[in-house]
Amino acid sequence: MPNIVRPYRSPLGILGASVTIAIALLTLYMQFQDENYKKAVYAVAIFYLLGILYFALYGRNQLILSPEEEFAMSKGEKGHA
């Protein structure tokens, strides 16, 4: 839906997103250089995987549409849900 009104656009655009990803990857790399942080990163990864499994097996079947999802399903037309 390229023509719908969007309340916010990043002033940095794709370049800003690319720099953010690079900083995140560098931070993750540096954490793996320290044994104490490496254990914590693995623990967090396991925690996230368990959360994804929970959502995939149970949580997604309990969802209801939010106002934003109703808007997306109506393709931006008002009065449709």
Protein backbone atom coordinates (compact mmCIF):
# COMPACT_ATOMS: atom_id res chain seq x y z
CA MET A 1 0.00 0.00 0.00
CA PRO A 2 2.42 2.71 -1.15
CA ASN A 3 -0.17 5.53 -1.06
CA ILE A 4 -1.47 5.30 2.51
CA VAL A 5 -0.65 8.05 4.98
CA ARG A 6 2.23 7.16 7.26
CA PRO A 7 2.69 9.23 10.43
CA TYR A 8 6.47 8.79 10.59
CA ARG A 9 9.31 8.32 8.15
CA SER A 10 12.88 7.90 9.30
CA PRO A 11 15.01 10.86 8.25
CA LEU A 12 17.96 8.49 7.78
CA GLY A 13 16.13 5.99 5.54
CA ILE A 14 17.85 2.84 4.31
CA LEU A 15 21.31 4.20 5.13
CA GLY A 16 20.31 4.63 8.78
CA ALA A 17 18.90 1.10 8.91
CA SER A 18 22.08 -0.30 7.34
CA VAL A 19 24.32 1.50 9.85
CA THR A 20 22.14 0.24 12.70
CA ILE A 21 22.45 -3.35 11.49
CA ALA A 22 26.23 -2.99 11.14
CA ILE A 23 26.53 -1.64 14.70
CA ALA A 24 24.36 -4.48 16.04
CA LEU A 25 26.47 -7.12 14.25
CA LEU A 26 29.70 -5.55 15.52
CA THR A 27 28.31 -5.50 19.06
CA LEU A 28 27.32 -9.16 18.82
CA TYR A 29 30.76 -10.06 17.45
CA MET A 30 32.48 -8.25 20.33
CA GLN A 31 30.29 -10.02 22.88
CA PHE A 32 31.41 -13.38 21.49
CA GLN A 33 35.03 -12.39 22.15
CA ASP A 34 34.42 -12.46 25.93
CA GLU A 35 33.66 -15.88 27.47
CA ASN A 36 31.30 -14.42 30.08
CA TYR A 37 29.21 -12.63 27.47
CA LYS A 38 29.28 -15.66 25.15
CA LYS A 39 27.40 -17.72 27.76
CA ALA A 40 24.85 -14.94 28.20
CA VAL A 41 24.31 -14.59 24.45
CA TYR A 42 23.66 -18.34 24.17
CA ALA A 43 21.24 -18.18 27.12
CA VAL A 44 19.31 -15.32 25.51
CA ALA A 45 19.23 -17.18 22.16
CA ILE A 46 17.74 -20.24 23.87
CA PHE A 47 15.20 -18.03 25.66
CA TYR A 48 14.13 -16.47 22.34
CA LEU A 49 13.89 -19.87 20.64
CA LEU A 50 11.65 -21.14 23.44
CA GLY A 51 9.47 -18.04 23.03
CA ILE A 52 9.21 -18.59 19.28
CA LEU A 53 8.25 -22.23 19.83
CA TYR A 54 5.61 -21.21 22.38
CA PHE A 55 4.13 -18.71 19.95
CA ALA A 56 4.25 -21.12 16.99
CA LEU A 57 2.60 -23.98 18.89
CA TYR A 58 0.11 -22.11 21.10
CA GLY A 59 0.12 -18.31 21.01
CA ARG A 60 -0.74 -17.67 17.38
CA ASN A 61 -3.97 -19.63 17.76
CA GLN A 62 -5.07 -17.23 20.53
CA LEU A 63 -4.66 -13.99 18.54
CA ILE A 64 -7.35 -11.45 17.71
CA LEU A 65 -7.03 -8.62 15.18
CA SER A 66 -5.65 -5.34 16.46
CA PRO A 67 -6.90 -2.04 14.96
CA GLU A 68 -3.73 -1.89 12.85
CA GLU A 69 -4.34 -5.39 11.48
CA GLU A 70 -7.96 -4.55 10.69
CA PHE A 71 -6.71 -1.48 8.80
CA ALA A 72 -4.22 -3.60 6.85
CA MET A 73 -6.85 -6.23 6.02
CA SER A 74 -9.16 -3.49 4.68
CA LYS A 75 -6.27 -2.24 2.48
CA GLY A 76 -6.54 1.18 4.06
CA GLU A 77 -10.22 1.76 3.32
CA LYS A 78 -12.21 3.36 6.13
CA GLY A 79 -15.25 1.61 7.52
CA HIS A 80 -14.13 -1.92 6.62
CA ALA A 81 -13.00 -4.49 9.13
